[in-house]
């Protein structure tokens, strides 16, 4: 039997904090995306997977930075495929299609992955 390792969940204070993290990791060499799924309680979750490297004796600790979407933007997030980040100011927009600026894809998963523990 294989024991499944879980990621360490880190809740961001705001949606903008999560978007800044995703934008900071976006670059020409790598692809950045945000996972979108509903948890066991029906809450809409946005999150970014990452690795906290070289932590003591570990090669890396898998991290999941997440935000629980509140009702004020839930419908927009549900119906969007991208988050557009304005490059001149801290402004985000939800969209079905990529637009000028940084377009971060939202990847809608069918369910919460088993390696993500229950979220607070």
Protein backbone atom coordinates (compact mmCIF):
# COMPACT_ATOMS: atom_id res chain seq x y z
CA UNK A 1 0.00 0.00 0.00
CA UNK A 2 1.32 3.41 -0.98
CA UNK A 3 0.86 6.15 1.61
CA UNK A 4 -0.25 9.36 0.01
CA UNK A 5 1.70 12.44 1.03
CA UNK A 6 -0.27 15.66 1.43
CA UNK A 7 0.73 19.20 0.51
CA UNK A 8 0.97 21.86 3.19
CA UNK A 9 -1.99 24.23 2.69
CA UNK A 10 -1.31 27.96 3.10
CA UNK A 11 -4.35 30.21 2.95
CA UNK A 12 -3.76 33.67 1.50
CA UNK A 13 -5.47 36.65 3.11
CA UNK A 14 -6.90 37.99 -0.15
CA UNK A 15 -7.45 36.92 -3.74
CA UNK A 16 -4.97 39.61 -4.82
CA UNK A 17 -2.29 37.97 -2.65
CA UNK A 18 -2.79 34.68 -4.48
CA UNK A 19 -2.74 36.43 -7.87
CA UNK A 20 0.49 38.30 -6.98
CA UNK A 21 2.07 34.96 -6.09
CA UNK A 22 0.98 33.41 -9.39
CA UNK A 23 2.15 36.48 -11.35
CA UNK A 24 5.53 36.43 -9.59
CA UNK A 25 6.13 32.83 -10.65
CA UNK A 26 5.02 33.43 -14.25
CA UNK A 27 7.87 33.67 -16.68
CA UNK A 28 9.08 32.69 -20.11
CA UNK A 29 10.60 29.41 -18.85
CA UNK A 30 7.65 28.16 -16.86
CA UNK A 31 3.92 28.01 -17.16
CA UNK A 32 1.81 29.35 -14.33
CA UNK A 33 -1.77 28.35 -13.77
CA UNK A 34 -4.29 28.49 -10.96
CA UNK A 35 -6.28 25.42 -9.97
CA UNK A 36 -10.01 25.88 -9.47
CA UNK A 37 -12.20 23.29 -7.72
CA UNK A 38 -15.01 22.83 -5.22
CA UNK A 39 -14.08 21.26 -1.91
CA UNK A 40 -16.12 18.81 0.15
CA UNK A 41 -18.11 21.70 1.65
CA UNK A 42 -19.03 23.12 -1.77
CA UNK A 43 -16.71 26.13 -1.42
CA UNK A 44 -14.93 27.40 -4.52
CA UNK A 45 -11.16 27.18 -4.09
CA UNK A 46 -8.43 28.84 -6.17
CA UNK A 47 -4.87 27.70 -5.58
CA UNK A 48 -1.29 27.47 -6.75
CA UNK A 49 1.03 24.52 -6.15
CA UNK A 50 4.61 25.24 -5.23
CA UNK A 51 7.65 23.78 -3.49
CA UNK A 52 9.47 25.26 -0.51
CA UNK A 53 12.98 24.09 -1.40
CA UNK A 54 15.78 22.86 0.85
CA UNK A 55 13.94 22.96 4.14
CA UNK A 56 16.39 21.41 6.61
CA UNK A 57 16.94 17.78 5.56
CA UNK A 58 14.13 17.79 3.01
CA UNK A 59 14.62 18.29 -0.74
CA UNK A 60 11.44 20.34 -0.75
CA UNK A 61 8.06 20.62 0.93
CA UNK A 62 5.05 20.67 -1.39
CA UNK A 63 2.89 23.73 -0.69
CA UNK A 64 -0.61 24.68 -1.79
CA UNK A 65 -1.32 28.42 -1.58
CA UNK A 66 -5.08 28.91 -1.76
CA UNK A 67 -7.95 31.33 -1.45
CA UNK A 68 -11.59 30.52 -0.68
CA UNK A 69 -13.60 32.58 -3.15
CA UNK A 70 -16.19 34.80 -1.50
CA UNK A 71 -19.71 35.41 -2.79
CA UNK A 72 -18.88 38.86 -4.21
CA UNK A 73 -16.80 37.37 -7.06
CA UNK A 74 -17.85 33.72 -7.05
CA UNK A 75 -20.05 33.92 -10.16
CA UNK A 76 -17.30 35.72 -12.12
CA UNK A 77 -14.73 33.11 -11.11
CA UNK A 78 -17.10 30.21 -11.86
CA UNK A 79 -17.66 31.48 -15.42
CA UNK A 80 -14.04 32.41 -16.23
CA UNK A 81 -11.11 30.60 -17.79
CA UNK A 82 -8.47 33.28 -17.12
CA UNK A 83 -7.46 35.88 -14.60
CA UNK A 84 -6.00 38.92 -16.37
CA UNK A 85 -3.43 40.89 -14.39
CA UNK A 86 -2.85 44.50 -15.39
CA UNK A 87 0.87 45.16 -15.73
CA UNK A 88 0.67 48.85 -14.80
CA UNK A 89 -1.29 48.61 -11.57
CA UNK A 90 -2.63 45.97 -9.23
CA UNK A 91 -5.88 45.26 -11.01
CA UNK A 92 -7.33 41.87 -11.91
CA UNK A 93 -10.12 40.88 -14.26
CA UNK A 94 -11.87 37.56 -14.88
CA UNK A 95 -12.32 36.52 -18.50
CA UNK A 96 -13.38 33.64 -20.75
CA UNK A 97 -10.47 34.42 -23.12
CA UNK A 98 -6.87 35.64 -22.74
CA UNK A 99 -6.34 39.39 -23.11
CA UNK A 100 -3.40 41.82 -23.16
CA UNK A 101 -1.49 41.85 -19.91
CA UNK A 102 -0.67 38.68 -18.00
CA UNK A 103 -3.36 36.04 -18.64
CA UNK A 104 -3.18 33.31 -16.00
CA UNK A 105 -5.21 30.22 -16.94
CA UNK A 106 -7.76 28.87 -14.47
CA UNK A 107 -7.73 25.07 -14.62
CA UNK A 108 -11.08 23.75 -13.38
CA UNK A 109 -10.65 20.33 -11.81
CA UNK A 110 -13.51 17.85 -11.56
CA UNK A 111 -12.86 17.46 -7.82
CA UNK A 112 -10.37 18.32 -5.11
CA UNK A 113 -7.16 16.30 -5.58
CA UNK A 114 -6.56 13.64 -2.94
CA UNK A 115 -3.14 15.08 -2.08
CA UNK A 116 -4.74 18.32 -0.83
CA UNK A 117 -6.00 17.96 2.75
CA UNK A 118 -9.26 19.42 4.03
CA UNK A 119 -8.98 23.21 3.97
CA UNK A 120 -9.89 25.69 6.73
